[in-house]
Amino acid sequence: MEPRWRPALAHLTPYDAGPPLERLEAELGRPVVRLSANENPLGPSPLALQAIRAEVERVHLYPDGGAVALREALATALGVTPGAILLGNGADELIGLLVRALVDPGDEVVIPRPAFEPYESAARQMGGAVVWSPLRDYRIDLEDLAGRVTPRTKLVFVGSPHNPTGTVVGRAAWEAFLGALPGEVVVLLDEAYRDFVETDDCPDGLEALARRPTLVVLRTFSKIAGLAGLRIGYAVGAPRVIETLGRLREPFNVNRLAQAAARAALGDVAHRERTRALVFEERRFLYGEFARRGLGWVPSEANFVVAVKSVAPRSPRQPLSAAGTRRGGVGPERNVKRSGAGARRERAGWGSRQAGERRRGGAPPGEPLAGAPRSVWSEGLTPPVGGPEGG
């Protein structure tokens, strides 16, 4: 006899992270460069590694359940109070906590499309009704997003920089968006890639917290600090909101090594700036190589870039995996405004130059780049913003 599962589970598909790198390397007989997770090519913060080594002898002890020292250090760095910060086992846990706290079956959650997959899966786990808002020219259309809010809407997701396009929302559009929403609707602003932003026309979510008590800002140590394997992210919001979310948090949800590493990484300015400088340089390198090959691209404020080429559909994984490069599909998207035809979109990230064996002069056309196009994003979307003439 079957258990009486919750009906919402029938609509869920488990997340596929792909095979372990070690297994791929064994199968291919060579090192594998994984470009599908936007990881830090420089590795973890050296200060974080020192902190891990110093703490490892204490892993038989439970961690500080409230992560007091780390929250205090974060509060000082961000200019908020410790009560405004909630730490999680990666940003994914915090997304789940927020959805669980808000969404009952039938409640609406408005999400840009395409977007980071856990937004949708968390909403569907709770029986929420997902309302899609199509991107416009690879950007989140904040006016459309606000226009899809109804009395049943509990939560709206915004990514800036957005995953998977790397685009940001502008300051004026952001302010208009916040002003158009009912006060009780919660906005989750995902700023996982904020450390890689160069443009001045990108709002800092923390600056809006005083004006929007129902805003929650999400950030992570995975990208800039290179701590993805330790799973540690944090949410910043009004203390009343953070306290409510904390009621759902599991005890000891952030492990001892993650807390020590994150606290040390906060002070590792040199690693942070080296990471930023590398990302800024490699973005421009990719733009130049895309232009040389006649590809278009979407100017990015993240550590990945969407590239575009008019080609017939083909298998996304085999060519690069055979070359020792791991990439993952982002899936077809049919709900994007002002669509064009016949264009293939792929999202390109990068590893270190050594790992990618990249030559400064670039590889000949047809030969994969380090950080070669790595994720099939969609077919038949809007023409790219950048191209051979610029970007």
Protein backbone atom coordinates (compact mmCIF):
# COMPACT_ATOMS: atom_id res chain seq x y z
CA MET A 1 0.00 0.00 0.00
CA GLU A 2 1.30 3.43 -0.97
CA PRO A 3 1.87 6.15 1.64
CA ARG A 4 -0.53 9.09 1.37
CA TRP A 5 1.98 11.52 -0.08
CA ARG A 6 1.19 15.22 -0.31
CA PRO A 7 -0.27 15.96 -3.77
CA ALA A 8 2.33 18.69 -4.40
CA LEU A 9 5.08 16.07 -4.62
CA ALA A 10 3.66 14.76 -7.88
CA HIS A 11 4.70 18.02 -9.58
CA LEU A 12 8.31 18.00 -8.35
CA THR A 13 11.42 16.80 -10.16
CA PRO A 14 14.54 16.16 -8.07
CA TYR A 15 17.44 18.49 -8.82
CA ASP A 16 20.07 16.86 -11.01
CA ALA A 17 23.55 18.14 -10.13
CA GLY A 18 25.20 15.74 -12.56
CA PRO A 19 27.79 13.07 -11.79
CA PRO A 20 30.61 13.78 -9.31
CA LEU A 21 33.71 15.39 -10.80
CA GLU A 22 35.87 12.54 -9.52
CA ARG A 23 33.78 10.01 -11.44
CA LEU A 24 33.90 12.06 -14.63
CA GLU A 25 37.66 12.42 -14.32
CA ALA A 26 38.01 8.68 -13.87
CA GLU A 27 35.85 8.00 -16.92
CA LEU A 28 37.68 10.51 -19.12
CA GLY A 29 41.15 9.87 -17.76
CA ARG A 30 41.86 13.59 -17.44
CA PRO A 31 41.02 16.55 -15.19
CA VAL A 32 37.53 18.01 -15.56
CA VAL A 33 36.74 21.73 -15.43
CA ARG A 34 33.21 22.30 -14.13
CA LEU A 35 31.68 25.46 -15.56
CA SER A 36 28.07 24.71 -14.67
CA ALA A 37 28.10 26.01 -11.08
CA ASN A 38 29.80 29.43 -11.43
CA GLU A 39 32.36 28.50 -8.79
CA ASN A 40 35.34 30.66 -7.85
CA PRO A 41 38.27 29.75 -10.16
CA LEU A 42 40.77 30.98 -7.57
CA GLY A 43 39.51 28.54 -4.97
CA PRO A 44 38.58 29.41 -1.39
CA SER A 45 39.81 32.39 0.57
CA PRO A 46 43.26 31.58 2.02
CA LEU A 47 42.19 33.07 5.34
CA ALA A 48 39.15 30.81 5.31
CA LEU A 49 41.39 27.80 4.77
CA GLN A 50 43.49 28.81 7.76
CA ALA A 51 40.35 29.11 9.87
CA ILE A 52 39.15 25.67 8.74
CA ARG A 53 42.47 24.08 9.70
CA ALA A 54 42.33 25.73 13.11
CA GLU A 55 38.74 24.61 13.69
CA VAL A 56 38.87 21.08 12.34
CA GLU A 57 40.00 19.60 15.66
CA ARG A 58 36.68 20.72 17.15
CA VAL A 59 34.28 19.11 14.70
CA HIS A 60 33.20 16.66 17.38
CA LEU A 61 31.42 19.61 19.02
CA TYR A 62 28.13 21.01 17.81
CA PRO A 63 28.43 24.46 16.25
CA ASP A 64 27.05 27.65 17.72
CA GLY A 65 23.37 27.25 16.91
CA GLY A 66 22.86 30.99 16.62
CA ALA A 67 26.15 31.67 14.78
CA VAL A 68 26.52 34.69 17.07
CA ALA A 69 30.12 35.61 16.23
CA LEU A 70 29.52 35.38 12.48
CA ARG A 71 26.28 37.35 12.60
CA GLU A 72 28.00 40.06 14.62
CA ALA A 73 30.86 40.24 12.12
CA LEU A 74 28.42 40.36 9.20
CA ALA A 75 26.35 43.03 10.91
CA THR A 76 29.43 45.22 11.29
CA ALA A 77 30.42 44.71 7.67
CA LEU A 78 26.92 45.42 6.32
CA GLY A 79 25.89 48.21 8.68
CA VAL A 80 22.89 46.38 10.13
CA THR A 81 22.10 44.78 13.47
CA PRO A 82 22.76 41.08 14.16
CA GLY A 83 19.01 40.62 14.53
CA ALA A 84 18.61 41.53 10.86
CA ILE A 85 20.65 38.51 9.69
CA LEU A 86 19.68 34.86 9.30
CA LEU A 87 22.30 32.31 8.24
CA GLY A 88 21.48 29.24 6.22
CA ASN A 89 22.93 26.02 4.87
CA GLY A 90 23.41 27.72 1.53
CA ALA A 91 21.05 30.29 0.06
CA ASP A 92 18.78 27.43 -1.06
CA GLU A 93 17.80 26.70 2.54
CA LEU A 94 16.85 30.33 3.09
CA ILE A 95 14.69 30.35 -0.05
CA GLY A 96 12.90 27.30 1.32
CA LEU A 97 12.42 28.86 4.74
CA LEU A 98 10.87 31.99 3.27
CA VAL A 99 8.47 30.02 1.07
CA ARG A 100 7.49 27.70 3.92
CA ALA A 101 6.80 30.71 6.14
CA LEU A 102 4.55 32.39 3.57
CA VAL A 103 2.94 30.03 1.10
CA ASP A 104 -0.15 27.91 1.65
CA PRO A 105 -1.66 25.76 -1.12
CA GLY A 106 -3.06 28.03 -3.81
CA ASP A 107 -1.09 31.12 -2.80
CA GLU A 108 0.68 32.78 -5.72
CA VAL A 109 4.42 33.25 -6.12
CA VAL A 110 5.60 35.48 -8.98
CA ILE A 111 8.89 34.42 -10.60
CA PRO A 112 10.81 35.71 -13.65
CA ARG A 113 11.23 33.13 -16.39
CA PRO A 114 13.77 31.65 -16.76
CA ALA A 115 15.24 31.88 -13.26
CA PHE A 116 17.18 29.99 -10.59
CA GLU A 117 15.37 26.65 -10.33
CA PRO A 118 14.92 26.53 -6.51
CA TYR A 119 12.49 29.48 -6.67
CA GLU A 120 9.96 27.37 -8.51
CA SER A 121 10.63 24.09 -6.71
CA ALA A 122 10.29 25.68 -3.26
CA ALA A 123 6.96 27.23 -4.25
CA ARG A 124 5.62 23.99 -5.68
CA GLN A 125 6.70 22.01 -2.61
CA MET A 126 4.21 24.07 -0.61
CA GLY A 127 1.46 23.76 -3.21
CA GLY A 128 1.93 27.34 -4.33
CA ALA A 129 0.71 28.59 -7.71
CA VAL A 130 3.69 29.78 -9.75
CA VAL A 131 2.99 32.87 -11.84
CA TRP A 132 5.62 33.42 -14.53
CA SER A 133 6.86 36.80 -15.72
CA PRO A 134 8.80 36.60 -19.01
CA LEU A 135 12.10 38.40 -19.35
CA ARG A 136 12.37 41.31 -21.77
CA ASP A 137 15.65 41.55 -23.66
CA TYR A 138 17.21 39.14 -21.17
CA ARG A 139 16.29 41.39 -18.25
CA ILE A 140 13.70 41.05 -15.52
CA ASP A 141 10.73 43.20 -16.52
CA LEU A 142 9.87 44.75 -13.16
CA GLU A 143 6.78 46.47 -14.52
CA ASP A 144 5.44 43.15 -15.78
CA LEU A 145 6.44 41.45 -12.52
CA ALA A 146 4.44 44.00 -10.50
CA GLY A 147 1.52 43.74 -12.90
CA ARG A 148 1.15 40.04 -12.17
CA VAL A 149 0.65 40.57 -8.44
CA THR A 150 -2.89 39.83 -7.26
CA PRO A 151 -4.58 39.65 -3.84
CA ARG A 152 -3.43 35.99 -3.73
CA THR A 153 0.26 36.88 -4.17
CA LYS A 154 2.47 36.22 -1.16
CA LEU A 155 5.98 36.44 -2.63
CA VAL A 156 7.88 37.90 -5.59
CA PHE A 157 11.39 36.79 -6.59
CA VAL A 158 13.91 39.19 -8.15
CA GLY A 159 17.51 38.33 -9.03
CA SER A 160 20.05 41.10 -9.56
CA PRO A 161 22.33 40.03 -11.15
CA HIS A 162 19.84 37.58 -12.54
CA ASN A 163 20.61 33.90 -12.95
CA PRO A 164 20.88 32.74 -15.78
CA THR A 165 21.35 35.97 -17.77
CA GLY A 166 23.72 38.06 -15.62
CA THR A 167 21.65 41.22 -16.08
CA VAL A 168 20.67 43.62 -13.29
CA VAL A 169 17.63 45.76 -12.53
CA GLY A 170 18.12 49.52 -12.78
CA ARG A 171 17.77 51.87 -9.84
CA ALA A 172 14.81 53.86 -11.17
CA ALA A 173 12.91 50.73 -12.21
CA TRP A 174 13.61 49.15 -8.81
CA GLU A 175 12.21 52.12 -6.90
CA ALA A 176 9.13 52.23 -9.10
CA PHE A 177 8.65 48.49 -8.62
CA LEU A 178 8.80 48.69 -4.85
CA GLY A 179 6.37 51.58 -4.86
CA ALA A 180 3.88 49.67 -7.01
CA LEU A 181 3.65 46.59 -4.78
CA PRO A 182 1.20 46.16 -1.91
CA GLY A 183 3.06 46.49 1.38
CA GLU A 184 2.24 42.98 2.59
CA VAL A 185 3.78 41.26 -0.45
CA VAL A 186 7.26 39.98 0.35
CA VAL A 187 10.06 40.61 -2.15
CA LEU A 188 13.09 38.34 -2.15
CA LEU A 189 16.02 40.10 -3.82
CA ASP A 190 18.66 37.50 -4.67
CA GLU A 191 22.08 39.18 -4.75
CA ALA A 192 24.25 36.06 -4.90
CA TYR A 193 26.33 37.63 -7.69
CA ARG A 194 26.37 41.21 -6.46
CA ASP A 195 30.12 41.17 -5.82
CA PHE A 196 30.71 41.00 -9.58
CA VAL A 197 28.70 44.12 -10.49
CA GLU A 198 30.57 46.96 -12.22
CA THR A 199 27.72 49.21 -13.33
CA ASP A 200 26.56 52.08 -11.10
CA ASP A 201 22.96 51.54 -12.20
CA CYS A 202 22.29 48.61 -9.89
CA PRO A 203 20.52 49.10 -6.56
CA ASP A 204 21.96 47.78 -3.32
CA GLY A 205 19.14 45.85 -1.71
CA LEU A 206 20.27 46.75 1.80
CA GLU A 207 19.57 50.43 1.10
CA ALA A 208 15.86 49.70 0.58
CA LEU A 209 15.32 47.71 3.79
CA ALA A 210 14.37 50.76 5.85
CA ARG A 211 11.71 51.72 3.28
CA ARG A 212 10.42 48.21 2.60
CA PRO A 213 10.04 46.10 5.76
CA THR A 214 8.82 43.18 3.65
CA LEU A 215 12.02 43.03 1.60
CA VAL A 216 14.46 40.17 2.19
CA VAL A 217 17.95 40.35 0.64
CA LEU A 218 19.77 37.10 -0.07
CA ARG A 219 23.57 36.80 -0.34
CA THR A 220 26.14 34.01 -0.21
CA PHE A 221 29.75 33.08 0.53
CA SER A 222 29.74 30.50 -2.27
CA LYS A 223 30.89 32.71 -5.16
CA ILE A 224 33.09 35.57 -4.01
CA ALA A 225 34.67 33.72 -1.05
CA GLY A 226 34.90 30.35 -2.79
CA LEU A 227 33.05 28.48 -0.03
CA ALA A 228 30.43 26.70 -2.16
CA GLY A 229 31.33 23.30 -0.70
CA LEU A 230 30.64 24.48 2.85
CA ARG A 231 27.10 25.67 2.02
CA ILE A 232 26.67 29.00 3.76
CA GLY A 233 24.48 31.92 2.77
CA TYR A 234 22.58 34.63 4.61
CA ALA A 235 19.39 36.64 4.47
CA VAL A 236 19.11 40.27 5.60
CA GLY A 237 15.78 41.81 6.48
CA ALA A 238 13.74 43.59 9.11
CA PRO A 239 14.45 41.98 12.51
CA ARG A 240 10.76 41.07 12.87
CA VAL A 241 10.86 39.21 9.54
CA ILE A 242 14.15 37.50 10.37
CA GLU A 243 12.84 36.40 13.77
CA THR A 244 9.79 34.85 12.13
CA LEU A 245 11.89 32.97 9.59
CA GLY A 246 14.15 31.78 12.39
CA ARG A 247 11.26 29.84 13.91
CA LEU A 248 11.52 27.43 10.97
CA ARG A 249 15.30 27.09 11.02
CA GLU A 250 16.71 23.71 11.96
CA PRO A 251 19.00 23.67 15.03
CA PHE A 252 22.69 23.84 14.12
CA ASN A 253 21.87 24.42 10.45
CA VAL A 254 25.24 26.04 9.70
CA ASN A 255 28.17 23.77 10.51
CA ARG A 256 31.20 24.68 12.57
CA LEU A 257 33.68 24.81 9.68
CA ALA A 258 31.38 26.95 7.56
CA GLN A 259 30.97 29.50 10.34
CA ALA A 260 34.71 29.74 10.95
CA ALA A 261 35.53 29.97 7.24
CA ALA A 262 32.89 32.60 6.50
CA ARG A 263 33.99 34.79 9.37
CA ALA A 264 37.61 34.65 8.18
CA ALA A 265 36.60 35.28 4.56
CA LEU A 266 34.89 38.52 5.57
CA GLY A 267 38.30 39.91 6.39
CA ASP A 268 40.08 38.56 3.31
CA VAL A 269 39.93 41.71 1.20
CA ALA A 270 42.85 40.60 -0.97
CA HIS A 271 41.12 37.40 -2.10
CA ARG A 272 37.89 39.25 -2.73
CA GLU A 273 39.57 41.86 -4.92
CA ARG A 274 41.63 39.26 -6.80
CA THR A 275 38.42 37.37 -7.57
CA ARG A 276 36.64 40.49 -8.77
CA ALA A 277 39.58 41.54 -10.94
CA LEU A 278 39.76 38.10 -12.55
CA VAL A 279 36.04 38.05 -13.30
CA PHE A 280 36.12 41.55 -14.79
CA GLU A 281 39.10 40.66 -16.99
CA GLU A 282 37.70 37.34 -18.17
CA ARG A 283 34.30 38.81 -18.97
CA ARG A 284 35.99 41.20 -21.38
CA PHE A 285 38.12 38.41 -22.80
CA LEU A 286 35.01 36.36 -23.53
CA TYR A 287 33.31 39.33 -25.18
CA GLY A 288 36.31 39.72 -27.47
CA GLU A 289 36.42 36.02 -28.33
CA PHE A 290 32.68 35.92 -28.96
CA ALA A 291 33.01 38.89 -31.30
CA ARG A 292 35.93 37.26 -33.12
CA ARG A 293 33.74 34.21 -33.75
CA GLY A 294 30.72 36.23 -34.85
CA LEU A 295 28.72 35.44 -31.72
CA GLY A 296 26.42 37.81 -29.90
CA TRP A 297 26.29 38.07 -26.13
CA VAL A 298 24.41 39.66 -23.26
CA PRO A 299 26.58 42.10 -21.25
CA SER A 300 26.83 40.50 -17.83
CA GLU A 301 27.30 41.72 -14.27
CA ALA A 302 27.91 38.18 -12.98
CA ASN A 303 30.69 35.60 -13.34
CA PHE A 304 29.04 34.05 -16.42
CA VAL A 305 27.94 35.34 -19.83
CA VAL A 306 25.10 34.38 -22.19
CA ALA A 307 26.39 33.84 -25.73
CA VAL A 308 24.24 33.54 -28.86
CA LYS A 309 24.75 31.80 -32.17
CA SER A 310 22.31 30.86 -34.92
CA VAL A 311 22.79 27.11 -35.24
CA ALA A 312 20.72 23.97 -35.53
CA PRO A 313 19.93 22.31 -32.20
CA ARG A 314 22.47 19.75 -31.05
CA SER A 315 23.30 17.76 -27.96
CA PRO A 316 24.56 20.26 -25.35
CA ARG A 317 26.75 18.02 -23.25
CA GLN A 318 28.67 15.53 -25.37
CA PRO A 319 31.22 17.79 -27.15
CA LEU A 320 32.47 19.60 -24.08
CA SER A 321 32.24 16.67 -21.67
CA ALA A 322 34.41 14.69 -24.05
CA ALA A 323 36.94 17.52 -23.87
CA GLY A 324 36.97 17.45 -20.08
CA THR A 325 34.55 20.32 -19.52
CA ARG A 326 31.40 19.88 -17.43
CA ARG A 327 28.34 22.00 -18.21
CA GLY A 328 24.64 21.74 -17.45
CA GLY A 329 21.50 22.55 -19.38
CA VAL A 330 19.21 25.39 -18.33
CA GLY A 331 16.31 24.14 -20.42
CA PRO A 332 14.10 25.54 -23.20
CA GLU A 333 12.18 28.72 -22.48
CA ARG A 334 9.17 29.65 -24.58
CA ASN A 335 7.79 32.51 -22.53
CA VAL A 336 10.11 35.43 -23.34
CA LYS A 337 8.92 38.70 -24.82
CA ARG A 338 9.90 39.93 -28.28
CA SER A 339 11.26 36.56 -29.33
CA GLY A 340 13.35 36.09 -32.43
CA ALA A 341 13.82 32.85 -34.31
CA GLY A 342 16.66 30.47 -35.01
CA ALA A 343 19.09 31.57 -32.30
CA ARG A 344 20.80 29.28 -29.84
CA ARG A 345 21.58 30.68 -26.40
CA GLU A 346 24.32 29.27 -24.22
CA ARG A 347 25.64 30.57 -20.93
CA ALA A 348 29.40 30.71 -20.63
CA GLY A 349 31.36 30.70 -17.41
CA TRP A 350 35.08 30.27 -16.89
CA GLY A 351 37.69 28.54 -14.83
CA SER A 352 41.24 29.62 -14.20
CA ARG A 353 43.47 30.09 -17.22
CA GLN A 354 45.59 27.13 -16.13
CA ALA A 355 42.56 24.89 -15.65
CA GLY A 356 41.12 25.89 -19.00
CA GLU A 357 44.47 25.77 -20.81
CA ARG A 358 43.52 29.01 -22.47
CA ARG A 359 45.94 30.79 -24.77
CA ARG A 360 45.93 34.57 -24.64
CA GLY A 361 45.60 34.75 -28.40
CA GLY A 362 42.47 32.62 -28.22
CA ALA A 363 41.71 29.28 -29.81
CA PRO A 364 40.95 29.02 -33.51
CA PRO A 365 37.27 29.27 -34.48
CA GLY A 366 35.50 26.04 -33.65
CA GLU A 367 37.92 25.13 -30.85
CA PRO A 368 36.44 25.41 -27.33
CA LEU A 369 37.46 28.37 -25.18
CA ALA A 370 38.38 28.09 -21.53
CA GLY A 371 35.01 28.86 -20.12
CA ALA A 372 33.52 27.75 -23.42
CA PRO A 373 29.74 28.14 -23.89
CA ARG A 374 28.53 25.76 -21.24
CA SER A 375 24.80 25.76 -20.64
CA VAL A 376 22.05 25.51 -23.21
CA TRP A 377 19.68 28.26 -22.14
CA SER A 378 16.91 28.38 -24.74
CA GLU A 379 15.86 28.56 -28.35
CA GLY A 380 14.19 31.40 -30.22
CA LEU A 381 14.70 34.25 -27.75
CA THR A 382 15.29 37.97 -28.07
CA PRO A 383 18.39 39.04 -30.07
CA PRO A 384 21.46 39.68 -27.91
CA VAL A 385 22.30 43.07 -26.48
CA GLY A 386 25.99 42.79 -27.38
CA GLY A 387 27.45 41.59 -30.63
CA PRO A 388 30.45 41.69 -32.90
CA GLU A 389 30.24 45.49 -33.00
CA GLY A 390 30.19 46.06 -29.25
CA GLY A 391 29.17 44.88 -25.82
